[in-house]
Amino acid sequence: QMNRLKPEDTAVYYCGALSGWLCSDHDYEYDYWG
C-alpha cells in the first residue's frame, strides 16, 4: 500500500521471494522474481 505518493516514487516495482526466515535488501539473495 503506497500513500502520499511523490514524483520520486516513479519506478518499476518488482516483488521477489526469499527462502528462510529473514528479510534482505540484497536483490541477489532472492530466489524468484516477478
Full PDB file with SEQRES, HELIX, SHEET, SSBOND, CRYST1, ORIGX, SCALE, CONECT and MASTER records, all heavy atoms in Angstrom:
SEQRES   1 A   34  GLN MET ASN ARG LEU LYS PRO GLU ASP THR ALA VAL TYR          
SEQRES   2 A   34  TYR CYS GLY ALA LEU SER GLY TRP LEU CYS SER ASP HIS          
SEQRES   3 A   34  ASP TYR GLU TYR ASP TYR TRP GLY                              
HELIX    1 AA1 PRO A    7  ASP A    9  5                                   3    
HELIX    2 AA2 ASP A   27  GLU A   29  5                                   3    
SHEET    1 AA1 2 GLY A  16  ALA A  17  0                                        
SHEET    2 AA1 2 TYR A  32  TRP A  33 -1                                        
CRYST1    1.000    1.000    1.000  90.00  90.00  90.00 P 1           1          
ORIGX1      1.000000  0.000000  0.000000        0.00000                         
ORIGX2      0.000000  1.000000  0.000000        0.00000                         
ORIGX3      0.000000  0.000000  1.000000        0.00000                         
SCALE1      1.000000  0.000000  0.000000        0.00000                         
SCALE2      0.000000  1.000000  0.000000        0.00000                         
SCALE3      0.000000  0.000000  1.000000        0.00000                         
ATOM      1  N   GLN A   1       0.855  -1.182   0.000  1.00  0.00           N  
ATOM      2  CA  GLN A   1       0.000   0.000   0.000  1.00  0.00           C  
ATOM      3  C   GLN A   1       0.892   1.233   0.000  1.00  0.00           C  
ATOM      4  O   GLN A   1       1.721   1.401   0.899  1.00  0.00           O  
ATOM      5  CB  GLN A   1      -0.918   0.008   1.223  1.00  0.00           C  
ATOM      6  CG  GLN A   1      -1.841   1.215   1.306  1.00  0.00           C  
ATOM      7  CD  GLN A   1      -2.874   1.240   0.209  1.00  0.00           C  
ATOM      8  OE1 GLN A   1      -3.484   0.225  -0.090  1.00  0.00           O  
ATOM      9  NE2 GLN A   1      -3.065   2.403  -0.409  1.00  0.00           N  
ATOM     10  N   MET A   2       0.724   2.087  -0.985  1.00  0.00           N  
ATOM     11  CA  MET A   2       1.545   3.273  -1.152  1.00  0.00           C  
ATOM     12  C   MET A   2       0.656   4.505  -1.051  1.00  0.00           C  
ATOM     13  O   MET A   2      -0.251   4.684  -1.863  1.00  0.00           O  
ATOM     14  CB  MET A   2       2.271   3.248  -2.497  1.00  0.00           C  
ATOM     15  CG  MET A   2       3.093   1.983  -2.724  1.00  0.00           C  
ATOM     16  SD  MET A   2       4.051   2.030  -4.265  1.00  0.00           S  
ATOM     17  CE  MET A   2       2.719   2.086  -5.461  1.00  0.00           C  
ATOM     18  N   ASN A   3       0.926   5.346  -0.062  1.00  0.00           N  
ATOM     19  CA  ASN A   3       0.145   6.546   0.186  1.00  0.00           C  
ATOM     20  C   ASN A   3       1.003   7.794   0.044  1.00  0.00           C  
ATOM     21  O   ASN A   3       2.229   7.734   0.169  1.00  0.00           O  
ATOM     22  CB  ASN A   3      -0.465   6.506   1.590  1.00  0.00           C  
ATOM     23  CG  ASN A   3      -1.429   5.354   1.787  1.00  0.00           C  
ATOM     24  OD1 ASN A   3      -2.148   4.974   0.870  1.00  0.00           O  
ATOM     25  ND2 ASN A   3      -1.465   4.812   2.993  1.00  0.00           N  
ATOM     26  N   ARG A   4       0.346   8.919  -0.182  1.00  0.00           N  
ATOM     27  CA  ARG A   4       1.027  10.212  -0.316  1.00  0.00           C  
ATOM     28  C   ARG A   4       2.204  10.115  -1.268  1.00  0.00           C  
ATOM     29  O   ARG A   4       3.324  10.510  -0.956  1.00  0.00           O  
ATOM     30  CB  ARG A   4       1.462  10.726   1.061  1.00  0.00           C  
ATOM     31  CG  ARG A   4       0.290  10.880   2.042  1.00  0.00           C  
ATOM     32  CD  ARG A   4       0.680  11.560   3.341  1.00  0.00           C  
ATOM     33  NE  ARG A   4       1.744  10.870   4.049  1.00  0.00           N  
ATOM     34  CZ  ARG A   4       1.578   9.793   4.801  1.00  0.00           C  
ATOM     35  NH1 ARG A   4       0.372   9.264   4.953  1.00  0.00           N  
ATOM     36  NH2 ARG A   4       2.617   9.243   5.415  1.00  0.00           N  
ATOM     37  N   LEU A   5       1.919   9.595  -2.445  1.00  0.00           N  
ATOM     38  CA  LEU A   5       2.965   9.341  -3.427  1.00  0.00           C  
ATOM     39  C   LEU A   5       3.606  10.634  -3.911  1.00  0.00           C  
ATOM     40  O   LEU A   5       2.952  11.677  -4.013  1.00  0.00           O  
ATOM     41  CB  LEU A   5       2.400   8.560  -4.602  1.00  0.00           C  
ATOM     42  CG  LEU A   5       2.168   7.076  -4.319  1.00  0.00           C  
ATOM     43  CD1 LEU A   5       1.200   6.477  -5.327  1.00  0.00           C  
ATOM     44  CD2 LEU A   5       3.496   6.320  -4.327  1.00  0.00           C  
ATOM     45  N   LYS A   6       4.891  10.535  -4.213  1.00  0.00           N  
ATOM     46  CA  LYS A   6       5.698  11.653  -4.678  1.00  0.00           C  
ATOM     47  C   LYS A   6       6.275  11.327  -6.044  1.00  0.00           C  
ATOM     48  O   LYS A   6       6.446  10.158  -6.385  1.00  0.00           O  
ATOM     49  CB  LYS A   6       6.842  11.917  -3.695  1.00  0.00           C  
ATOM     50  CG  LYS A   6       6.398  12.201  -2.268  1.00  0.00           C  
ATOM     51  CD  LYS A   6       7.595  12.344  -1.342  1.00  0.00           C  
ATOM     52  CE  LYS A   6       7.161  12.609   0.083  1.00  0.00           C  
ATOM     53  NZ  LYS A   6       8.333  12.736   0.991  1.00  0.00           N  
ATOM     54  N   PRO A   7       6.613  12.341  -6.840  1.00  0.00           N  
ATOM     55  CA  PRO A   7       7.201  12.059  -8.147  1.00  0.00           C  
ATOM     56  C   PRO A   7       8.445  11.171  -8.081  1.00  0.00           C  
ATOM     57  O   PRO A   7       8.664  10.365  -8.989  1.00  0.00           O  
ATOM     58  CB  PRO A   7       7.536  13.454  -8.688  1.00  0.00           C  
ATOM     59  CG  PRO A   7       6.514  14.337  -8.059  1.00  0.00           C  
ATOM     60  CD  PRO A   7       6.320  13.782  -6.674  1.00  0.00           C  
ATOM     61  N   GLU A   8       9.242  11.286  -7.030  1.00  0.00           N  
ATOM     62  CA  GLU A   8      10.435  10.464  -6.910  1.00  0.00           C  
ATOM     63  C   GLU A   8      10.132   8.997  -6.630  1.00  0.00           C  
ATOM     64  O   GLU A   8      11.046   8.166  -6.630  1.00  0.00           O  
ATOM     65  CB  GLU A   8      11.387  11.018  -5.841  1.00  0.00           C  
ATOM     66  CG  GLU A   8      10.749  11.216  -4.473  1.00  0.00           C  
ATOM     67  CD  GLU A   8      10.300  12.645  -4.228  1.00  0.00           C  
ATOM     68  OE1 GLU A   8       9.750  13.266  -5.162  1.00  0.00           O  
ATOM     69  OE2 GLU A   8      10.503  13.157  -3.104  1.00  0.00           O  
ATOM     70  N   ASP A   9       8.866   8.647  -6.397  1.00  0.00           N  
ATOM     71  CA  ASP A   9       8.463   7.255  -6.269  1.00  0.00           C  
ATOM     72  C   ASP A   9       8.281   6.578  -7.626  1.00  0.00           C  
ATOM     73  O   ASP A   9       8.068   5.357  -7.675  1.00  0.00           O  
ATOM     74  CB  ASP A   9       7.163   7.131  -5.478  1.00  0.00           C  
ATOM     75  CG  ASP A   9       7.299   7.579  -4.035  1.00  0.00           C  
ATOM     76  OD1 ASP A   9       8.336   7.290  -3.410  1.00  0.00           O  
ATOM     77  OD2 ASP A   9       6.352   8.224  -3.529  1.00  0.00           O  
ATOM     78  N   THR A  10       8.338   7.336  -8.701  1.00  0.00           N  
ATOM     79  CA  THR A  10       8.177   6.777 -10.039  1.00  0.00           C  
ATOM     80  C   THR A  10       9.267   5.745 -10.309  1.00  0.00           C  
ATOM     81  O   THR A  10      10.460   6.040 -10.206  1.00  0.00           O  
ATOM     82  CB  THR A  10       8.225   7.887 -11.089  1.00  0.00           C  
ATOM     83  OG1 THR A  10       7.108   8.759 -10.918  1.00  0.00           O  
ATOM     84  CG2 THR A  10       8.185   7.307 -12.497  1.00  0.00           C  
ATOM     85  N   ALA A  11       8.859   4.527 -10.653  1.00  0.00           N  
ATOM     86  CA  ALA A  11       9.799   3.429 -10.877  1.00  0.00           C  
ATOM     87  C   ALA A  11       9.025   2.202 -11.324  1.00  0.00           C  
ATOM     88  O   ALA A  11       7.796   2.147 -11.231  1.00  0.00           O  
ATOM     89  CB  ALA A  11      10.575   3.102  -9.595  1.00  0.00           C  
ATOM     90  N   VAL A  12       9.768   1.194 -11.792  1.00  0.00           N  
ATOM     91  CA  VAL A  12       9.216  -0.140 -11.945  1.00  0.00           C  
ATOM     92  C   VAL A  12       9.388  -0.860 -10.619  1.00  0.00           C  
ATOM     93  O   VAL A  12      10.495  -0.905 -10.068  1.00  0.00           O  
ATOM     94  CB  VAL A  12       9.905  -0.916 -13.081  1.00  0.00           C  
ATOM     95  CG1 VAL A  12       9.353  -2.337 -13.173  1.00  0.00           C  
ATOM     96  CG2 VAL A  12       9.717  -0.198 -14.406  1.00  0.00           C  
ATOM     97  N   TYR A  13       8.311  -1.420 -10.109  1.00  0.00           N  
ATOM     98  CA  TYR A  13       8.313  -2.114  -8.831  1.00  0.00           C  
ATOM     99  C   TYR A  13       8.280  -3.619  -9.060  1.00  0.00           C  
ATOM    100  O   TYR A  13       7.449  -4.124  -9.811  1.00  0.00           O  
ATOM    101  CB  TYR A  13       7.111  -1.681  -7.992  1.00  0.00           C  
ATOM    102  CG  TYR A  13       7.269  -0.306  -7.397  1.00  0.00           C  
ATOM    103  CD1 TYR A  13       7.202   0.825  -8.199  1.00  0.00           C  
ATOM    104  CD2 TYR A  13       7.504  -0.130  -6.034  1.00  0.00           C  
ATOM    105  CE1 TYR A  13       7.370   2.095  -7.666  1.00  0.00           C  
ATOM    106  CE2 TYR A  13       7.666   1.135  -5.490  1.00  0.00           C  
ATOM    107  CZ  TYR A  13       7.598   2.242  -6.306  1.00  0.00           C  
ATOM    108  OH  TYR A  13       7.762   3.502  -5.775  1.00  0.00           O  
ATOM    109  N   TYR A  14       9.182  -4.336  -8.395  1.00  0.00           N  
ATOM    110  CA  TYR A  14       9.324  -5.779  -8.526  1.00  0.00           C  
ATOM    111  C   TYR A  14       9.103  -6.448  -7.175  1.00  0.00           C  
ATOM    112  O   TYR A  14       9.521  -5.916  -6.145  1.00  0.00           O  
ATOM    113  CB  TYR A  14      10.731  -6.157  -9.000  1.00  0.00           C  
ATOM    114  CG  TYR A  14      11.148  -5.562 -10.320  1.00  0.00           C  
ATOM    115  CD1 TYR A  14      11.773  -4.323 -10.387  1.00  0.00           C  
ATOM    116  CD2 TYR A  14      10.936  -6.255 -11.505  1.00  0.00           C  
ATOM    117  CE1 TYR A  14      12.165  -3.778 -11.590  1.00  0.00           C  
ATOM    118  CE2 TYR A  14      11.330  -5.720 -12.715  1.00  0.00           C  
ATOM    119  CZ  TYR A  14      11.945  -4.481 -12.748  1.00  0.00           C  
ATOM    120  OH  TYR A  14      12.345  -3.949 -13.959  1.00  0.00           O  
ATOM    121  N   CYS A  15       8.504  -7.624  -7.177  1.00  0.00           N  
ATOM    122  CA  CYS A  15       8.446  -8.432  -5.975  1.00  0.00           C  
ATOM    123  C   CYS A  15       9.337  -9.649  -6.138  1.00  0.00           C  
ATOM    124  O   CYS A  15       9.490 -10.192  -7.232  1.00  0.00           O  
ATOM    125  CB  CYS A  15       7.017  -8.849  -5.622  1.00  0.00           C  
ATOM    126  SG  CYS A  15       6.136  -9.831  -6.855  1.00  0.00           S  
ATOM    127  N   GLY A  16       9.947 -10.066  -5.037  1.00  0.00           N  
ATOM    128  CA  GLY A  16      10.819 -11.225  -5.024  1.00  0.00           C  
ATOM    129  C   GLY A  16      10.546 -12.095  -3.815  1.00  0.00           C  
ATOM    130  O   GLY A  16      10.058 -11.616  -2.789  1.00  0.00           O  
ATOM    131  N   ALA A  17      10.877 -13.383  -3.924  1.00  0.00           N  
ATOM    132  CA  ALA A  17      10.680 -14.360  -2.861  1.00  0.00           C  
ATOM    133  C   ALA A  17      12.028 -14.885  -2.387  1.00  0.00           C  
ATOM    134  O   ALA A  17      12.879 -15.252  -3.206  1.00  0.00           O  
ATOM    135  CB  ALA A  17       9.805 -15.514  -3.339  1.00  0.00           C  
ATOM    136  N   LEU A  18      12.203 -14.941  -1.059  1.00  0.00           N  
ATOM    137  CA  LEU A  18      13.456 -15.350  -0.430  1.00  0.00           C  
ATOM    138  C   LEU A  18      13.158 -16.464   0.552  1.00  0.00           C  
ATOM    139  O   LEU A  18      12.354 -16.282   1.471  1.00  0.00           O  
ATOM    140  CB  LEU A  18      14.090 -14.159   0.287  1.00  0.00           C  
ATOM    141  CG  LEU A  18      15.322 -14.406   1.154  1.00  0.00           C  
ATOM    142  CD1 LEU A  18      16.489 -14.895   0.313  1.00  0.00           C  
ATOM    143  CD2 LEU A  18      15.694 -13.137   1.900  1.00  0.00           C  
ATOM    144  N   SER A  19      13.798 -17.619   0.395  1.00  0.00           N  
ATOM    145  CA  SER A  19      13.581 -18.729   1.311  1.00  0.00           C  
ATOM    146  C   SER A  19      14.201 -18.431   2.664  1.00  0.00           C  
ATOM    147  O   SER A  19      15.213 -17.734   2.767  1.00  0.00           O  
ATOM    148  CB  SER A  19      14.158 -20.022   0.731  1.00  0.00           C  
ATOM    149  OG  SER A  19      15.566 -19.934   0.592  1.00  0.00           O  
ATOM    150  N   GLY A  20      13.576 -18.965   3.714  1.00  0.00           N  
ATOM    151  CA  GLY A  20      14.085 -18.782   5.060  1.00  0.00           C  
ATOM    152  C   GLY A  20      13.268 -17.792   5.863  1.00  0.00           C  
ATOM    153  O   GLY A  20      12.210 -17.323   5.428  1.00  0.00           O  
ATOM    154  N   TRP A  21      13.791 -17.439   7.040  1.00  0.00           N  
ATOM    155  CA  TRP A  21      13.054 -16.625   7.996  1.00  0.00           C  
ATOM    156  C   TRP A  21      13.294 -15.140   7.865  1.00  0.00           C  
ATOM    157  O   TRP A  21      12.425 -14.343   8.230  1.00  0.00           O  
ATOM    158  CB  TRP A  21      13.418 -17.056   9.424  1.00  0.00           C  
ATOM    159  CG  TRP A  21      12.875 -18.380   9.808  1.00  0.00           C  
ATOM    160  CD1 TRP A  21      13.482 -19.594   9.667  1.00  0.00           C  
ATOM    161  CD2 TRP A  21      11.594 -18.634  10.396  1.00  0.00           C  
ATOM    162  NE1 TRP A  21      12.663 -20.594  10.131  1.00  0.00           N  
ATOM    163  CE2 TRP A  21      11.500 -20.033  10.591  1.00  0.00           C  
ATOM    164  CE3 TRP A  21      10.528 -17.814  10.778  1.00  0.00           C  
ATOM    165  CZ2 TRP A  21      10.373 -20.627  11.151  1.00  0.00           C  
ATOM    166  CZ3 TRP A  21       9.402 -18.404  11.335  1.00  0.00           C  
ATOM    167  CH2 TRP A  21       9.347 -19.799  11.514  1.00  0.00           C  
ATOM    168  N   LEU A  22      14.448 -14.731   7.357  1.00  0.00           N  
ATOM    169  CA  LEU A  22      14.857 -13.339   7.445  1.00  0.00           C  
ATOM    170  C   LEU A  22      14.687 -12.604   6.130  1.00  0.00           C  
ATOM    171  O   LEU A  22      14.896 -13.152   5.047  1.00  0.00           O  
ATOM    172  CB  LEU A  22      16.320 -13.248   7.885  1.00  0.00           C  
ATOM    173  CG  LEU A  22      16.656 -13.878   9.235  1.00  0.00           C  
ATOM    174  CD1 LEU A  22      18.143 -13.713   9.526  1.00  0.00           C  
ATOM    175  CD2 LEU A  22      15.824 -13.250  10.342  1.00  0.00           C  
ATOM    176  N   CYS A  23      14.350 -11.337   6.235  1.00  0.00           N  
ATOM    177  CA  CYS A  23      14.302 -10.456   5.086  1.00  0.00           C  
ATOM    178  C   CYS A  23      15.706 -10.004   4.694  1.00  0.00           C  
ATOM    179  O   CYS A  23      16.649 -10.068   5.476  1.00  0.00           O  
ATOM    180  CB  CYS A  23      13.459  -9.220   5.398  1.00  0.00           C  
ATOM    181  SG  CYS A  23      11.671  -9.465   5.276  1.00  0.00           S  
ATOM    182  N   SER A  24      15.825  -9.521   3.465  1.00  0.00           N  
ATOM    183  CA  SER A  24      17.076  -8.986   2.958  1.00  0.00           C  
ATOM    184  C   SER A  24      16.770  -7.864   1.982  1.00  0.00           C  
ATOM    185  O   SER A  24      15.767  -7.915   1.261  1.00  0.00           O  
ATOM    186  CB  SER A  24      17.900 -10.066   2.256  1.00  0.00           C  
ATOM    187  OG  SER A  24      19.047  -9.511   1.639  1.00  0.00           O  
ATOM    188  N   ASP A  25      17.639  -6.831   1.962  1.00  0.00           N  
ATOM    189  CA  ASP A  25      17.537  -5.803   0.936  1.00  0.00           C  
ATOM    190  C   ASP A  25      18.576  -5.984  -0.159  1.00  0.00           C  
ATOM    191  O   ASP A  25      18.800  -5.071  -0.957  1.00  0.00           O  
ATOM    192  CB  ASP A  25      17.630  -4.399   1.541  1.00  0.00           C  
ATOM    193  CG  ASP A  25      18.949  -4.123   2.235  1.00  0.00           C  
ATOM    194  OD1 ASP A  25      19.793  -5.031   2.319  1.00  0.00           O  
ATOM    195  OD2 ASP A  25      19.132  -2.989   2.712  1.00  0.00           O  
ATOM    196  N   HIS A  26      19.185  -7.162  -0.233  1.00  0.00           N  
ATOM    197  CA  HIS A  26      20.119  -7.521  -1.296  1.00  0.00           C  
ATOM    198  C   HIS A  26      19.379  -8.356  -2.331  1.00  0.00           C  
ATOM    199  O   HIS A  26      19.000  -9.498  -2.060  1.00  0.00           O  
ATOM    200  CB  HIS A  26      21.306  -8.302  -0.745  1.00  0.00           C  
ATOM    201  CG  HIS A  26      22.139  -7.516   0.221  1.00  0.00           C  
ATOM    202  ND1 HIS A  26      22.759  -8.092   1.304  1.00  0.00           N  
ATOM    203  CD2 HIS A  26      22.456  -6.203   0.258  1.00  0.00           C  
ATOM    204  CE1 HIS A  26      23.424  -7.175   1.970  1.00  0.00           C  
ATOM    205  NE2 HIS A  26      23.256  -6.006   1.357  1.00  0.00           N  
ATOM    206  N   ASP A  27      19.200  -7.790  -3.514  1.00  0.00           N  
ATOM    207  CA  ASP A  27      18.374  -8.463  -4.504  1.00  0.00           C  
ATOM    208  C   ASP A  27      18.961  -9.792  -4.958  1.00  0.00           C  
ATOM    209  O   ASP A  27      18.208 -10.700  -5.340  1.00  0.00           O  
ATOM    210  CB  ASP A  27      18.077  -7.545  -5.699  1.00  0.00           C  
ATOM    211  CG  ASP A  27      19.320  -6.994  -6.370  1.00  0.00           C  
ATOM    212  OD1 ASP A  27      20.449  -7.372  -5.986  1.00  0.00           O  
ATOM    213  OD2 ASP A  27      19.157  -6.176  -7.299  1.00  0.00           O  
ATOM    214  N   TYR A  28      20.280  -9.956  -4.888  1.00  0.00           N  
ATOM    215  CA  TYR A  28      20.898 -11.194  -5.347  1.00  0.00           C  
ATOM    216  C   TYR A  28      20.606 -12.378  -4.435  1.00  0.00           C  
ATOM    217  O   TYR A  28      20.886 -13.517  -4.819  1.00  0.00           O  
ATOM    218  CB  TYR A  28      22.417 -11.013  -5.503  1.00  0.00           C  
ATOM    219  CG  TYR A  28      23.125 -10.504  -4.269  1.00  0.00           C  
ATOM    220  CD1 TYR A  28      23.480 -11.361  -3.239  1.00  0.00           C  
ATOM    221  CD2 TYR A  28      23.452  -9.157  -4.140  1.00  0.00           C  
ATOM    222  CE1 TYR A  28      24.135 -10.896  -2.112  1.00  0.00           C  
ATOM    223  CE2 TYR A  28      24.108  -8.681  -3.022  1.00  0.00           C  
ATOM    224  CZ  TYR A  28      24.444  -9.553  -2.005  1.00  0.00           C  
ATOM    225  OH  TYR A  28      25.094  -9.090  -0.886  1.00  0.00           O  
ATOM    226  N   GLU A  29      20.075 -12.144  -3.250  1.00  0.00           N  
ATOM    227  CA  GLU A  29      19.742 -13.229  -2.340  1.00  0.00           C  
ATOM    228  C   GLU A  29      18.365 -13.828  -2.594  1.00  0.00           C  
ATOM    229  O   GLU A  29      18.031 -14.857  -2.012  1.00  0.00           O  
ATOM    230  CB  GLU A  29      19.829 -12.753  -0.889  1.00  0.00           C  
ATOM    231  CG  GLU A  29      21.241 -12.373  -0.461  1.00  0.00           C  
ATOM    232  CD  GLU A  29      21.345 -12.034   1.009  1.00  0.00           C  
ATOM    233  OE1 GLU A  29      20.302 -11.916   1.689  1.00  0.00           O  
ATOM    234  OE2 GLU A  29      22.486 -11.893   1.495  1.00  0.00           O  
ATOM    235  N   TYR A  30      17.576 -13.221  -3.459  1.00  0.00           N  
ATOM    236  CA  TYR A  30      16.217 -13.690  -3.698  1.00  0.00           C  
ATOM    237  C   TYR A  30      16.184 -14.821  -4.720  1.00  0.00           C  
ATOM    238  O   TYR A  30      16.959 -14.831  -5.681  1.00  0.00           O  
ATOM    239  CB  TYR A  30      15.326 -12.528  -4.139  1.00  0.00           C  
ATOM    240  CG  TYR A  30      14.939 -11.657  -2.973  1.00  0.00           C  
ATOM    241  CD1 TYR A  30      15.854 -10.794  -2.388  1.00  0.00           C  
ATOM    242  CD2 TYR A  30      13.654 -11.714  -2.438  1.00  0.00           C  
ATOM    243  CE1 TYR A  30      15.504 -10.024  -1.289  1.00  0.00           C  
ATOM    244  CE2 TYR A  30      13.303 -10.936  -1.350  1.00  0.00           C  
ATOM    245  CZ  TYR A  30      14.224 -10.095  -0.777  1.00  0.00           C  
ATOM    246  OH  TYR A  30      13.872  -9.328   0.307  1.00  0.00           O  
ATOM    247  N   ASP A  31      15.284 -15.769  -4.498  1.00  0.00           N  
ATOM    248  CA  ASP A  31      15.199 -16.965  -5.321  1.00  0.00           C  
ATOM    249  C   ASP A  31      14.333 -16.781  -6.562  1.00  0.00           C  
ATOM    250  O   ASP A  31      14.639 -17.331  -7.620  1.00  0.00           O  
ATOM    251  CB  ASP A  31      14.628 -18.124  -4.485  1.00  0.00           C  
ATOM    252  CG  ASP A  31      15.497 -18.458  -3.294  1.00  0.00           C  
ATOM    253  OD1 ASP A  31      16.583 -19.030  -3.493  1.00  0.00           O  
ATOM    254  OD2 ASP A  31      15.079 -18.152  -2.152  1.00  0.00           O  
ATOM    255  N   TYR A  32      13.250 -16.017  -6.438  1.00  0.00           N  
ATOM    256  CA  TYR A  32      12.290 -15.849  -7.520  1.00  0.00           C  
ATOM    257  C   TYR A  32      11.917 -14.390  -7.649  1.00  0.00           C  
ATOM    258  O   TYR A  32      11.906 -13.645  -6.658  1.00  0.00           O  
ATOM    259  CB  TYR A  32      11.017 -16.670  -7.263  1.00  0.00           C  
ATOM    260  CG  TYR A  32      11.264 -18.123  -6.935  1.00  0.00           C  
ATOM    261  CD1 TYR A  32      10.841 -18.654  -5.722  1.00  0.00           C  
ATOM    262  CD2 TYR A  32      11.912 -18.962  -7.838  1.00  0.00           C  
ATOM    263  CE1 TYR A  32      11.061 -19.982  -5.412  1.00  0.00           C  
ATOM    264  CE2 TYR A  32      12.143 -20.292  -7.530  1.00  0.00           C  
ATOM    265  CZ  TYR A  32      11.708 -20.796  -6.315  1.00  0.00           C  
ATOM    266  OH  TYR A  32      11.934 -22.119  -6.015  1.00  0.00           O  
ATOM    267  N   TRP A  33      11.560 -13.995  -8.874  1.00  0.00           N  
ATOM    268  CA  TRP A  33      11.188 -12.612  -9.169  1.00  0.00           C  
ATOM    269  C   TRP A  33       9.967 -12.538 -10.060  1.00  0.00           C  
ATOM    270  O   TRP A  33       9.780 -13.376 -10.941  1.00  0.00           O  
ATOM    271  CB  TRP A  33      12.335 -11.878  -9.868  1.00  0.00           C  
ATOM    272  CG  TRP A  33      13.479 -11.577  -8.971  1.00  0.00           C  
ATOM    273  CD1 TRP A  33      14.622 -12.301  -8.819  1.00  0.00           C  
ATOM    274  CD2 TRP A  33      13.592 -10.465  -8.079  1.00  0.00           C  
ATOM    275  NE1 TRP A  33      15.445 -11.709  -7.893  1.00  0.00           N  
ATOM    276  CE2 TRP A  33      14.835 -10.582  -7.426  1.00  0.00           C  
ATOM    277  CE3 TRP A  33      12.759  -9.379  -7.784  1.00  0.00           C  
ATOM    278  CZ2 TRP A  33      15.263  -9.656  -6.480  1.00  0.00           C  
ATOM    279  CZ3 TRP A  33      13.185  -8.463  -6.841  1.00  0.00           C  
ATOM    280  CH2 TRP A  33      14.423  -8.605  -6.207  1.00  0.00           C  
ATOM    281  N   GLY A  34       9.154 -11.517  -9.827  1.00  0.00           N  
ATOM    282  CA  GLY A  34       8.083 -11.178 -10.737  1.00  0.00           C  
ATOM    283  C   GLY A  34       8.576 -10.269 -11.849  1.00  0.00           C  
ATOM    284  O   GLY A  34       9.740  -9.844 -11.875  1.00  0.00           O  
TER     285      GLY A  34                                                      
MASTER        0    0    0    2    2    0    0    6  284    1    0    3          
END                                                                             
